[in-house]
Each structure stands twice: as C-alpha cells, then as structure tokens.
N, C-alpha and C. Protein backbone atom coordinates (compact mmCIF):
# COMPACT_ATOMS: atom_id res chain seq x y z
N UNK A 1 26.24 -9.46 15.30
CA UNK A 1 26.95 -8.29 15.78
C UNK A 1 26.04 -7.53 16.77
N UNK A 2 26.35 -7.54 18.05
CA UNK A 2 25.50 -6.89 19.06
C UNK A 2 25.31 -5.38 18.82
N UNK A 3 26.37 -4.70 18.40
CA UNK A 3 26.25 -3.26 18.17
C UNK A 3 25.29 -2.97 17.02
N UNK A 4 25.35 -3.79 15.96
CA UNK A 4 24.45 -3.63 14.83
C UNK A 4 23.01 -3.89 15.21
N UNK A 5 22.79 -4.90 16.04
CA UNK A 5 21.45 -5.23 16.51
C UNK A 5 20.87 -4.09 17.33
N UNK A 6 21.67 -3.54 18.23
CA UNK A 6 21.22 -2.41 19.06
C UNK A 6 20.89 -1.22 18.16
N UNK A 7 21.74 -0.97 17.17
CA UNK A 7 21.50 0.14 16.26
C UNK A 7 20.19 -0.03 15.51
N UNK A 8 19.90 -1.25 15.01
CA UNK A 8 18.64 -1.50 14.30
C UNK A 8 17.44 -1.35 15.23
N UNK A 9 17.56 -1.80 16.47
CA UNK A 9 16.46 -1.67 17.42
C UNK A 9 16.19 -0.21 17.75
N UNK A 10 17.25 0.58 17.92
CA UNK A 10 17.10 2.00 18.21
C UNK A 10 16.39 2.68 17.04
N UNK A 11 16.80 2.35 15.78
CA UNK A 11 16.15 2.93 14.61
C UNK A 11 14.67 2.55 14.57
N UNK A 12 14.37 1.29 14.90
CA UNK A 12 12.99 0.81 14.88
C UNK A 12 12.13 1.60 15.87
N UNK A 13 12.64 1.79 17.06
CA UNK A 13 11.91 2.55 18.08
C UNK A 13 11.76 3.99 17.64
N UNK A 14 12.81 4.57 17.09
CA UNK A 14 12.77 5.96 16.65
C UNK A 14 11.74 6.16 15.56
N UNK A 15 11.73 5.27 14.56
CA UNK A 15 10.77 5.41 13.48
C UNK A 15 9.35 5.27 14.02
N UNK A 16 9.13 4.33 14.90
CA UNK A 16 7.80 4.14 15.47
C UNK A 16 7.33 5.43 16.13
N UNK A 17 8.21 6.08 16.87
CA UNK A 17 7.86 7.34 17.53
C UNK A 17 7.58 8.44 16.52
N UNK A 18 8.30 8.43 15.40
CA UNK A 18 8.21 9.52 14.44
C UNK A 18 7.07 9.38 13.44
N UNK A 19 6.46 8.22 13.33
CA UNK A 19 5.35 8.05 12.39
C UNK A 19 4.10 8.74 12.93
N UNK A 20 3.41 9.49 12.08
CA UNK A 20 2.14 10.06 12.51
C UNK A 20 1.15 8.94 12.88
N UNK A 21 0.15 9.25 13.66
CA UNK A 21 -0.80 8.23 14.13
C UNK A 21 -1.59 7.56 13.01
N UNK A 22 -1.74 8.24 11.88
CA UNK A 22 -2.48 7.64 10.77
C UNK A 22 -1.59 6.82 9.84
N UNK A 23 -0.34 6.60 10.27
CA UNK A 23 0.61 5.80 9.50
C UNK A 23 1.14 4.66 10.37
N UNK A 24 1.73 3.68 9.72
CA UNK A 24 2.30 2.52 10.40
C UNK A 24 3.79 2.47 10.12
N UNK A 25 4.57 2.15 11.13
CA UNK A 25 6.02 2.02 11.01
C UNK A 25 6.36 0.58 10.61
N UNK A 26 7.13 0.45 9.53
CA UNK A 26 7.54 -0.87 9.03
C UNK A 26 8.98 -0.83 8.56
N UNK A 27 9.49 -2.00 8.18
CA UNK A 27 10.83 -2.12 7.65
C UNK A 27 10.78 -2.73 6.26
N UNK A 28 11.62 -2.22 5.39
CA UNK A 28 11.86 -2.78 4.06
C UNK A 28 13.32 -3.18 4.07
N UNK A 29 13.59 -4.43 4.44
CA UNK A 29 14.96 -4.84 4.70
C UNK A 29 15.41 -4.17 5.98
N UNK A 30 16.50 -3.43 5.95
CA UNK A 30 16.99 -2.71 7.11
C UNK A 30 16.53 -1.26 7.14
N UNK A 31 15.77 -0.85 6.14
CA UNK A 31 15.34 0.55 6.05
C UNK A 31 13.94 0.70 6.63
N UNK A 32 13.82 1.61 7.57
CA UNK A 32 12.53 1.88 8.21
C UNK A 32 11.75 2.91 7.40
N UNK A 33 10.43 2.79 7.42
CA UNK A 33 9.58 3.75 6.75
C UNK A 33 8.20 3.77 7.40
N UNK A 34 7.43 4.78 7.09
CA UNK A 34 6.03 4.88 7.54
C UNK A 34 5.15 4.76 6.30
N UNK A 35 3.98 4.13 6.47
CA UNK A 35 3.04 3.98 5.35
C UNK A 35 1.63 4.28 5.85
N UNK A 36 0.84 4.92 4.98
CA UNK A 36 -0.55 5.21 5.32
C UNK A 36 -1.32 3.93 5.62
N UNK A 37 -2.19 3.98 6.61
CA UNK A 37 -3.02 2.81 6.95
C UNK A 37 -4.02 2.48 5.84
N UNK A 38 -4.52 3.51 5.16
CA UNK A 38 -5.56 3.34 4.15
C UNK A 38 -5.17 4.04 2.86
N UNK A 39 -5.89 3.73 1.80
CA UNK A 39 -5.68 4.41 0.53
C UNK A 39 -5.98 5.91 0.71
N UNK A 40 -5.32 6.75 -0.08
CA UNK A 40 -5.50 8.19 0.01
C UNK A 40 -6.98 8.54 -0.12
N UNK A 41 -7.52 9.37 0.75
CA UNK A 41 -6.89 10.31 1.66
C UNK A 41 -6.54 9.76 3.05
N UNK A 42 -6.42 8.46 3.18
CA UNK A 42 -5.98 7.82 4.42
C UNK A 42 -6.97 8.04 5.57
N UNK A 43 -8.25 7.89 5.26
CA UNK A 43 -9.29 8.06 6.27
C UNK A 43 -10.21 6.85 6.26
N UNK A 44 -10.27 6.15 7.37
CA UNK A 44 -11.16 5.00 7.48
C UNK A 44 -12.61 5.44 7.30
N UNK A 45 -13.35 4.68 6.51
CA UNK A 45 -14.76 4.98 6.29
C UNK A 45 -15.03 5.98 5.19
N UNK A 46 -13.97 6.50 4.56
CA UNK A 46 -14.12 7.45 3.45
C UNK A 46 -13.83 6.73 2.13
N UNK A 47 -14.39 7.25 1.05
CA UNK A 47 -14.08 6.70 -0.26
C UNK A 47 -12.66 7.11 -0.64
N UNK A 48 -11.85 6.15 -1.09
CA UNK A 48 -10.49 6.50 -1.51
C UNK A 48 -10.50 7.26 -2.83
N UNK A 49 -9.49 8.06 -3.03
CA UNK A 49 -9.35 8.81 -4.29
C UNK A 49 -9.08 7.83 -5.42
N UNK A 50 -9.84 7.91 -6.48
CA UNK A 50 -9.69 7.04 -7.64
C UNK A 50 -9.63 7.91 -8.89
N UNK A 51 -9.11 7.34 -9.97
CA UNK A 51 -9.00 8.09 -11.21
C UNK A 51 -7.91 9.15 -11.14
N UNK A 52 -6.85 8.84 -10.39
CA UNK A 52 -5.76 9.78 -10.17
C UNK A 52 -4.55 9.35 -11.00
N UNK A 53 -3.95 10.27 -11.73
CA UNK A 53 -2.74 9.94 -12.50
C UNK A 53 -1.56 9.80 -11.55
N UNK A 54 -0.48 9.23 -12.05
CA UNK A 54 0.74 9.06 -11.25
C UNK A 54 1.25 10.42 -10.79
N UNK A 55 1.26 11.40 -11.67
CA UNK A 55 1.75 12.74 -11.34
C UNK A 55 0.89 13.35 -10.22
N UNK A 56 -0.42 13.23 -10.33
CA UNK A 56 -1.31 13.74 -9.28
C UNK A 56 -1.05 13.03 -7.95
N UNK A 57 -0.83 11.72 -8.00
CA UNK A 57 -0.54 10.97 -6.77
C UNK A 57 0.75 11.47 -6.13
N UNK A 58 1.78 11.65 -6.92
CA UNK A 58 3.05 12.17 -6.41
C UNK A 58 2.85 13.53 -5.76
N UNK A 59 2.13 14.42 -6.43
CA UNK A 59 1.92 15.78 -5.93
C UNK A 59 1.07 15.79 -4.65
N UNK A 60 0.05 14.95 -4.57
CA UNK A 60 -0.78 14.89 -3.37
C UNK A 60 0.04 14.37 -2.18
N UNK A 61 0.88 13.37 -2.41
CA UNK A 61 1.74 12.89 -1.33
C UNK A 61 2.71 13.99 -0.89
N UNK A 62 3.34 14.65 -1.85
CA UNK A 62 4.30 15.71 -1.51
C UNK A 62 3.63 16.85 -0.75
N UNK A 63 2.41 17.20 -1.14
CA UNK A 63 1.74 18.31 -0.46
C UNK A 63 1.37 17.96 0.98
N UNK A 64 1.37 16.67 1.31
CA UNK A 64 1.11 16.27 2.70
C UNK A 64 2.40 15.88 3.43
N UNK A 65 3.56 16.25 2.85
CA UNK A 65 4.85 15.98 3.49
C UNK A 65 5.29 14.54 3.40
N UNK A 66 4.76 13.82 2.42
CA UNK A 66 5.08 12.40 2.25
C UNK A 66 5.55 12.18 0.82
N UNK A 67 5.70 10.91 0.45
CA UNK A 67 6.04 10.57 -0.93
C UNK A 67 5.26 9.33 -1.34
N UNK A 68 5.16 9.14 -2.63
CA UNK A 68 4.51 7.94 -3.14
C UNK A 68 5.35 6.73 -2.72
N UNK A 69 4.71 5.68 -2.25
CA UNK A 69 5.43 4.49 -1.78
C UNK A 69 6.19 3.83 -2.92
N UNK A 70 7.35 3.29 -2.63
CA UNK A 70 8.04 2.45 -3.61
C UNK A 70 7.36 1.09 -3.61
N UNK A 71 7.59 0.30 -4.65
CA UNK A 71 6.98 -1.03 -4.69
C UNK A 71 7.51 -1.90 -3.55
N UNK A 72 8.78 -1.79 -3.22
CA UNK A 72 9.31 -2.64 -2.14
C UNK A 72 8.70 -2.26 -0.79
N UNK A 73 8.44 -0.97 -0.54
CA UNK A 73 7.75 -0.56 0.69
C UNK A 73 6.32 -1.08 0.69
N UNK A 74 5.64 -0.87 -0.43
CA UNK A 74 4.25 -1.29 -0.56
C UNK A 74 4.14 -2.81 -0.34
N UNK A 75 5.03 -3.56 -0.98
CA UNK A 75 4.98 -5.02 -0.88
C UNK A 75 5.31 -5.50 0.54
N UNK A 76 6.27 -4.85 1.21
CA UNK A 76 6.60 -5.23 2.59
C UNK A 76 5.38 -5.05 3.49
N UNK A 77 4.61 -3.98 3.27
CA UNK A 77 3.40 -3.76 4.06
C UNK A 77 2.33 -4.78 3.71
N UNK A 78 2.17 -5.06 2.44
CA UNK A 78 1.13 -5.98 1.98
C UNK A 78 1.37 -7.41 2.45
N UNK A 79 2.60 -7.87 2.28
CA UNK A 79 2.88 -9.29 2.54
C UNK A 79 3.36 -9.56 3.96
N UNK A 80 3.35 -8.52 4.81
CA UNK A 80 3.88 -8.66 6.17
C UNK A 80 5.32 -9.16 6.09
N UNK A 81 6.13 -8.42 5.32
CA UNK A 81 7.55 -8.71 5.08
C UNK A 81 7.77 -10.11 4.52
N UNK A 82 6.94 -10.48 3.54
CA UNK A 82 7.12 -11.72 2.82
C UNK A 82 6.39 -12.92 3.42
N UNK A 83 5.64 -12.73 4.47
CA UNK A 83 4.95 -13.87 5.10
C UNK A 83 3.64 -14.24 4.41
N UNK A 84 3.01 -13.29 3.73
CA UNK A 84 1.69 -13.53 3.14
C UNK A 84 1.72 -13.34 1.63
N UNK A 85 0.91 -14.14 0.93
CA UNK A 85 0.74 -13.97 -0.51
C UNK A 85 -0.32 -12.89 -0.79
N UNK A 86 -1.32 -12.84 0.07
CA UNK A 86 -2.38 -11.84 -0.04
C UNK A 86 -2.23 -10.83 1.09
N UNK A 87 -3.10 -9.84 1.15
CA UNK A 87 -3.01 -8.81 2.19
C UNK A 87 -3.57 -9.33 3.51
N UNK A 88 -3.58 -10.61 3.68
CA UNK A 88 -4.04 -11.28 4.90
C UNK A 88 -3.36 -12.64 4.91
N UNK A 89 -3.39 -13.30 6.01
CA UNK A 89 -2.76 -14.62 6.13
C UNK A 89 -3.68 -15.68 5.53
N UNK A 90 -3.10 -16.65 4.84
CA UNK A 90 -3.88 -17.76 4.30
C UNK A 90 -4.06 -17.70 2.80
N UNK A 91 -5.00 -18.52 2.32
CA UNK A 91 -5.26 -18.63 0.89
C UNK A 91 -6.35 -17.64 0.47
N UNK A 92 -6.56 -17.52 -0.84
CA UNK A 92 -7.52 -16.55 -1.36
C UNK A 92 -8.93 -16.78 -0.80
N UNK A 93 -9.53 -15.69 -0.39
CA UNK A 93 -10.91 -15.70 0.10
C UNK A 93 -11.55 -14.39 -0.37
N UNK A 94 -12.49 -14.48 -1.32
CA UNK A 94 -13.06 -13.27 -1.93
C UNK A 94 -13.86 -12.42 -0.95
N UNK A 95 -14.18 -12.95 0.21
CA UNK A 95 -14.92 -12.18 1.20
C UNK A 95 -14.03 -11.24 2.03
N UNK A 96 -12.73 -11.55 2.11
CA UNK A 96 -11.84 -10.79 2.99
C UNK A 96 -11.47 -9.41 2.44
N UNK A 97 -11.20 -9.34 1.14
CA UNK A 97 -10.86 -8.06 0.51
C UNK A 97 -11.81 -7.82 -0.66
N UNK A 98 -11.92 -6.59 -1.08
CA UNK A 98 -12.80 -6.22 -2.19
C UNK A 98 -12.14 -6.58 -3.52
N UNK A 99 -12.21 -7.88 -3.87
CA UNK A 99 -11.56 -8.36 -5.08
C UNK A 99 -12.53 -8.96 -6.09
N UNK A 100 -13.79 -9.06 -5.75
CA UNK A 100 -14.78 -9.67 -6.66
C UNK A 100 -16.12 -8.97 -6.49
N UNK A 101 -16.15 -7.69 -6.86
CA UNK A 101 -17.39 -6.92 -6.66
C UNK A 101 -17.65 -6.00 -7.84
N UNK A 102 -18.64 -5.17 -7.69
CA UNK A 102 -19.06 -4.25 -8.75
C UNK A 102 -18.41 -2.87 -8.65
N UNK A 103 -17.73 -2.58 -7.53
CA UNK A 103 -17.16 -1.24 -7.41
C UNK A 103 -16.33 -1.02 -6.17
N UNK A 104 -15.81 0.17 -6.07
CA UNK A 104 -14.93 0.59 -4.99
C UNK A 104 -15.72 0.69 -3.68
N UNK A 105 -15.09 0.32 -2.59
CA UNK A 105 -15.70 0.42 -1.26
C UNK A 105 -14.95 1.45 -0.43
N UNK A 106 -15.59 1.87 0.65
CA UNK A 106 -14.95 2.80 1.57
C UNK A 106 -13.73 2.15 2.21
N UNK A 107 -12.73 2.97 2.50
CA UNK A 107 -11.49 2.48 3.11
C UNK A 107 -11.76 1.80 4.44
N UNK A 108 -11.17 0.63 4.64
CA UNK A 108 -11.27 -0.08 5.91
C UNK A 108 -12.59 -0.79 6.13
N UNK A 109 -13.46 -0.83 5.12
CA UNK A 109 -14.76 -1.48 5.29
C UNK A 109 -14.60 -2.94 5.68
N UNK A 110 -13.64 -3.62 5.06
CA UNK A 110 -13.39 -5.04 5.36
C UNK A 110 -12.18 -5.12 6.28
N UNK A 111 -12.46 -5.14 7.57
CA UNK A 111 -11.37 -5.09 8.56
C UNK A 111 -10.43 -6.28 8.46
N UNK A 112 -10.88 -7.39 7.84
CA UNK A 112 -10.01 -8.56 7.68
C UNK A 112 -9.01 -8.37 6.55
N UNK A 113 -9.18 -7.33 5.73
CA UNK A 113 -8.28 -7.10 4.60
C UNK A 113 -7.05 -6.31 5.06
N UNK A 114 -6.33 -6.90 6.01
CA UNK A 114 -5.12 -6.31 6.54
C UNK A 114 -4.05 -7.36 6.67
N UNK A 115 -2.82 -6.95 6.57
CA UNK A 115 -1.69 -7.88 6.52
C UNK A 115 -1.15 -8.24 7.89
N UNK A 116 -1.76 -7.76 8.94
CA UNK A 116 -1.21 -7.97 10.27
C UNK A 116 -0.25 -6.85 10.66
N UNK A 117 -0.05 -5.91 9.75
CA UNK A 117 0.84 -4.78 10.01
C UNK A 117 0.07 -3.52 10.40
N UNK A 118 -1.26 -3.56 10.30
CA UNK A 118 -2.06 -2.38 10.58
C UNK A 118 -2.34 -1.55 9.34
N UNK A 119 -2.03 -2.09 8.15
CA UNK A 119 -2.28 -1.43 6.88
C UNK A 119 -3.39 -2.20 6.18
N UNK A 120 -4.37 -1.49 5.60
CA UNK A 120 -5.56 -2.13 5.06
C UNK A 120 -5.76 -1.87 3.57
N UNK A 121 -6.50 -2.76 2.95
CA UNK A 121 -6.94 -2.61 1.55
C UNK A 121 -5.78 -2.57 0.55
N UNK A 122 -4.73 -3.31 0.82
CA UNK A 122 -3.60 -3.33 -0.10
C UNK A 122 -3.86 -4.19 -1.33
N UNK A 123 -4.70 -5.19 -1.22
CA UNK A 123 -5.09 -5.96 -2.40
C UNK A 123 -6.58 -5.77 -2.60
N UNK A 124 -6.96 -5.57 -3.85
CA UNK A 124 -8.35 -5.29 -4.17
C UNK A 124 -8.68 -3.83 -3.98
N UNK A 125 -9.93 -3.52 -4.09
CA UNK A 125 -10.47 -2.17 -4.03
C UNK A 125 -9.90 -1.32 -5.16
N UNK A 126 -8.68 -0.81 -5.03
CA UNK A 126 -8.04 -0.03 -6.09
C UNK A 126 -6.64 -0.55 -6.38
N UNK A 127 -6.25 -0.54 -7.65
CA UNK A 127 -4.83 -0.66 -7.96
C UNK A 127 -4.18 0.55 -7.30
N UNK A 128 -2.92 0.44 -6.89
CA UNK A 128 -2.25 1.58 -6.27
C UNK A 128 -0.96 1.92 -7.00
N UNK A 129 -0.83 3.21 -7.32
CA UNK A 129 0.41 3.69 -7.92
C UNK A 129 1.56 3.47 -6.94
N UNK A 130 2.72 3.08 -7.45
CA UNK A 130 3.95 3.06 -6.69
C UNK A 130 4.97 3.91 -7.44
N UNK A 131 6.03 4.31 -6.78
CA UNK A 131 6.97 5.26 -7.38
C UNK A 131 7.89 4.66 -8.44
N UNK A 132 8.02 3.36 -8.46
CA UNK A 132 8.94 2.69 -9.38
C UNK A 132 8.58 2.93 -10.85
N UNK A 133 9.62 2.96 -11.66
CA UNK A 133 9.48 3.16 -13.09
C UNK A 133 10.36 2.13 -13.78
N UNK A 134 9.84 1.51 -14.82
CA UNK A 134 10.59 0.46 -15.52
C UNK A 134 10.23 0.47 -17.00
N UNK A 135 11.23 0.47 -17.84
CA UNK A 135 11.04 0.42 -19.31
C UNK A 135 10.04 1.47 -19.81
N UNK A 136 10.11 2.67 -19.26
CA UNK A 136 9.25 3.76 -19.70
C UNK A 136 7.86 3.76 -19.10
N UNK A 137 7.58 2.82 -18.22
CA UNK A 137 6.27 2.74 -17.58
C UNK A 137 6.40 2.88 -16.07
N UNK A 138 5.35 3.42 -15.47
CA UNK A 138 5.24 3.40 -14.03
C UNK A 138 4.48 2.14 -13.66
N UNK A 139 4.34 1.87 -12.36
CA UNK A 139 3.70 0.63 -11.94
C UNK A 139 2.51 0.90 -11.03
N UNK A 140 1.53 0.02 -11.16
CA UNK A 140 0.43 -0.05 -10.21
C UNK A 140 0.50 -1.43 -9.56
N UNK A 141 0.05 -1.52 -8.32
CA UNK A 141 0.20 -2.76 -7.57
C UNK A 141 -1.10 -3.15 -6.86
N UNK A 142 -1.25 -4.46 -6.62
CA UNK A 142 -2.29 -4.98 -5.75
C UNK A 142 -3.57 -5.48 -6.38
N UNK A 143 -3.93 -5.00 -7.55
CA UNK A 143 -5.20 -5.40 -8.14
C UNK A 143 -6.35 -4.53 -7.67
N UNK A 144 -7.49 -4.67 -8.34
CA UNK A 144 -8.65 -3.85 -7.98
C UNK A 144 -9.84 -4.73 -7.60
N UNK A 145 -11.02 -4.12 -7.53
CA UNK A 145 -12.22 -4.80 -7.07
C UNK A 145 -12.72 -5.88 -8.03
N UNK A 146 -12.12 -6.01 -9.22
CA UNK A 146 -12.51 -7.04 -10.19
C UNK A 146 -11.44 -8.10 -10.39
N UNK A 147 -10.31 -7.99 -9.73
CA UNK A 147 -9.13 -8.79 -10.07
C UNK A 147 -9.14 -10.20 -9.46
N UNK A 148 -10.09 -10.49 -8.59
CA UNK A 148 -10.26 -11.84 -8.03
C UNK A 148 -9.02 -12.37 -7.34
N UNK A 149 -8.75 -13.67 -7.53
CA UNK A 149 -7.63 -14.31 -6.85
C UNK A 149 -6.27 -13.80 -7.30
N UNK A 150 -6.24 -13.02 -8.38
CA UNK A 150 -4.98 -12.44 -8.84
C UNK A 150 -4.60 -11.15 -8.11
N UNK A 151 -5.50 -10.65 -7.27
CA UNK A 151 -5.21 -9.47 -6.46
C UNK A 151 -4.34 -9.92 -5.29
N UNK A 152 -3.03 -9.90 -5.52
CA UNK A 152 -2.05 -10.41 -4.56
C UNK A 152 -1.00 -9.33 -4.28
N UNK A 153 -0.18 -9.63 -3.29
CA UNK A 153 0.89 -8.69 -2.93
C UNK A 153 1.95 -8.56 -4.02
N UNK A 154 2.07 -9.56 -4.89
CA UNK A 154 3.06 -9.45 -5.96
C UNK A 154 2.43 -9.06 -7.30
N UNK A 155 1.18 -8.65 -7.30
CA UNK A 155 0.50 -8.22 -8.53
C UNK A 155 0.96 -6.82 -8.89
N UNK A 156 1.65 -6.69 -10.01
CA UNK A 156 2.06 -5.39 -10.53
C UNK A 156 1.73 -5.33 -12.01
N UNK A 157 1.54 -4.12 -12.48
CA UNK A 157 1.15 -3.94 -13.87
C UNK A 157 1.81 -2.65 -14.37
N UNK A 158 2.42 -2.67 -15.56
CA UNK A 158 2.99 -1.42 -16.10
C UNK A 158 1.88 -0.51 -16.57
N UNK A 159 2.05 0.77 -16.33
CA UNK A 159 0.99 1.71 -16.67
C UNK A 159 1.60 3.05 -17.07
N UNK A 160 0.98 3.73 -18.03
CA UNK A 160 1.42 5.06 -18.41
C UNK A 160 1.13 6.02 -17.26
N UNK A 161 2.05 6.92 -17.00
CA UNK A 161 1.87 7.82 -15.84
C UNK A 161 0.68 8.74 -16.00
N UNK A 162 0.17 8.88 -17.20
CA UNK A 162 -1.01 9.73 -17.42
C UNK A 162 -2.32 8.99 -17.20
N UNK A 163 -2.26 7.67 -16.98
CA UNK A 163 -3.49 6.91 -16.78
C UNK A 163 -4.28 7.44 -15.59
N UNK A 164 -5.55 7.64 -15.80
CA UNK A 164 -6.46 8.09 -14.74
C UNK A 164 -7.62 7.10 -14.63
N UNK A 165 -7.29 5.82 -14.67
CA UNK A 165 -8.30 4.78 -14.63
C UNK A 165 -9.17 4.87 -13.39
N UNK A 166 -10.44 4.52 -13.55
CA UNK A 166 -11.39 4.64 -12.44
C UNK A 166 -11.07 3.70 -11.28
N UNK A 167 -10.21 2.71 -11.51
CA UNK A 167 -9.86 1.78 -10.43
C UNK A 167 -8.40 1.91 -10.01
N UNK A 168 -7.83 3.10 -10.21
CA UNK A 168 -6.44 3.35 -9.82
C UNK A 168 -6.39 4.44 -8.76
N UNK A 169 -5.74 4.13 -7.64
CA UNK A 169 -5.56 5.07 -6.55
C UNK A 169 -4.12 5.02 -6.06
N UNK A 170 -3.90 5.32 -4.78
CA UNK A 170 -2.54 5.34 -4.23
C UNK A 170 -2.59 5.48 -2.72
N UNK A 171 -1.44 5.33 -2.09
CA UNK A 171 -1.24 5.68 -0.69
C UNK A 171 0.15 6.26 -0.58
N UNK A 172 0.43 6.92 0.52
CA UNK A 172 1.71 7.61 0.70
C UNK A 172 2.57 6.94 1.75
N UNK A 173 3.86 7.17 1.63
CA UNK A 173 4.86 6.70 2.60
C UNK A 173 5.69 7.89 3.06
N UNK A 174 6.50 7.63 4.08
CA UNK A 174 7.37 8.69 4.62
C UNK A 174 8.64 8.04 5.12
C-alpha cells in the first residue's frame, strides 16, 4: 500500500527529528520510539547507575521526561530488530561486551558492544529494568558483567520491583 508506506516513512523521519541527541530513533514493529544510547544517566564515559529499584528507575526516567523502556523496545534496540542474538553482530565474544569480568565498567567503554543501532552496553555490564510485569514480577534484561555467553538480547529474568541488586540498572525510552 503506497499510502501506508509514505505514512510510515513520514513517521520515521518525524521521530528521528524529535529524538534528543543523546537518544536513538528506532522502531518496534510499526511503532517509533527513542531510546537512550547508554545506561542511565546516559553519559558516555560515566559509571552507570546501579543498585536501583524498579520504582526508582521509573521515577528517574519520568523526571527526565521519559519512561522506562518496555522489553520489546529494549529488545528491538539490542537485537537490531531481530538481526542479532547479542548486542553486536556475530557469535559470542567475551571481549566485545562486559560479560565476563569482575565489575561494572563506564558506559560506552567497549565501543564494539553496540547493535548497529547506535545503542551501547545492552548486554553485559548491568541487567536493565524494563517496564513489563508478569505473574507479579517485573523484568530485568540483558545480563550483567558475570553472565558470560548467556548475556543475550533475549535474556530476561523475573525480579521483585524492590530489588536493588548491585548489578541492576536501567535506561530510558521516549
């Protein structure tokens, strides 16, 4: 349908224009959204916020005019809309993302840990809260600095919203 195609292209261009410079414009199916390039506070070279509960993550995103990413948004950014199993193209490589180390690293330290979308550190470094809730639990996604080859774009884990684990962080969407 030519009219539908034009409409989707116009939305894509509009979203790209409307995303702040520290965010990336992506699609989750036909729905456009913006996502932070790095884990909160979304600053390259800074330590990401860790030990944050789900409620704190939601409030920090809201206070910056954003919202906590849904799992489908997060996964679309991580897998490059389903093209990648990890936050990069190819098979597991422990050198590309912080998935086999002793601790958290600064955001963007491993420039190869990106999905080709301009979003970094989606697998490894910190588990990330997502907004989804299932069977009384909230979800964390991506794995942390100890999760090894299991730190993938489809790695999710149920977690109590009060959890403030030292390896749990988040990023925001809009």
